[in-house]
Protein backbone atom coordinates (compact mmCIF):
# COMPACT_ATOMS: atom_id res chain seq x y z
CA MET A 1 124.09 96.89 109.55
CA SER A 2 122.35 93.05 109.26
CA SER A 3 121.46 92.37 112.96
CA SER A 4 117.78 91.74 113.70
CA ASP A 5 119.09 93.13 117.35
CA LEU A 6 118.72 96.76 116.64
CA THR A 7 115.31 98.10 115.87
CA GLU A 8 114.99 100.28 112.24
CA ARG A 9 115.12 103.58 114.68
CA GLU A 10 118.81 102.24 116.29
CA ARG A 11 119.66 101.40 112.92
CA HIS A 12 119.37 105.12 111.82
CA GLU A 13 120.59 106.49 115.28
CA CYS A 14 124.04 104.45 114.22
CA LEU A 15 124.43 105.37 110.93
CA ALA A 16 123.79 109.13 111.51
CA HIS A 17 126.18 108.83 114.27
CA TRP A 18 128.21 107.02 112.72
CA ASP A 19 131.84 109.19 113.79
CA THR A 20 131.24 108.24 117.36
CA ALA A 21 131.92 104.52 116.74
CA PRO A 22 135.10 102.95 118.03
CA PHE A 23 137.92 103.61 115.25
CA ALA A 24 135.60 105.68 112.79
CA HIS A 25 138.00 107.80 111.53
CA PHE A 26 140.78 105.81 111.53
CA CYS A 27 138.36 102.83 109.13
CA HIS A 28 137.15 105.51 107.24
CA PRO A 29 138.76 108.32 107.55
CA ARG A 30 137.12 110.22 104.76
CA GLU A 31 132.89 110.27 105.13
CA GLU A 32 132.30 109.82 101.48
CA HIS A 33 133.90 106.26 101.46
CA LEU A 34 130.25 105.69 103.05
CA LEU A 35 128.48 107.02 100.76
CA PRO A 36 127.29 104.17 98.71
CA PHE A 37 126.04 102.54 102.60
CA HIS A 38 124.20 104.97 103.51
CA VAL A 39 122.64 105.35 100.01
CA CYS A 40 122.05 101.72 99.87
CA TYR A 41 120.24 101.89 103.58
CA GLY A 42 118.27 104.81 102.51
CA LEU A 43 116.62 103.06 99.95
CA ALA A 44 116.20 99.55 101.65
CA GLY A 45 114.72 101.71 104.63
CA ARG A 46 115.64 98.38 106.29
CA ALA A 47 118.29 96.33 107.41
CA SER A 48 120.64 94.56 104.66
CA ASP A 49 119.69 90.68 103.88
CA GLU A 50 123.75 89.27 104.01
CA TYR A 51 126.86 90.12 105.28
CA LEU A 52 129.70 89.20 103.73
CA PRO A 53 133.13 88.95 105.34
CA ALA A 54 136.24 89.30 104.01
CA MET A 55 140.22 89.97 104.43
CA ILE A 56 142.19 92.11 102.00
CA MET A 57 145.67 92.60 102.67
CA GLY A 58 145.34 91.30 106.04
CA LYS A 59 142.87 93.16 106.83
CA LYS A 60 139.32 92.44 108.15
CA LEU A 61 136.20 94.30 106.05
CA ALA A 62 132.46 94.01 105.83
CA MET A 63 130.28 94.25 102.30
CA PHE A 64 126.79 94.13 103.08
CA CYS A 65 123.40 92.82 100.39
CA TRP A 66 120.22 94.08 99.63
């Protein structure tokens, strides 16, 4: 969600249809885990300023900051 390659319309569509992404339900079996992300994006209305990758218990995760 920090990529400058996407237009805001494309970014909005990706978020609206997040469940069609590969492994979406495996990574987020309960969609309420994504609500804070959707709220932050909705308030900012733009791409995130920073992408922070991390590893927890051997699993990749991503954090985004506005």
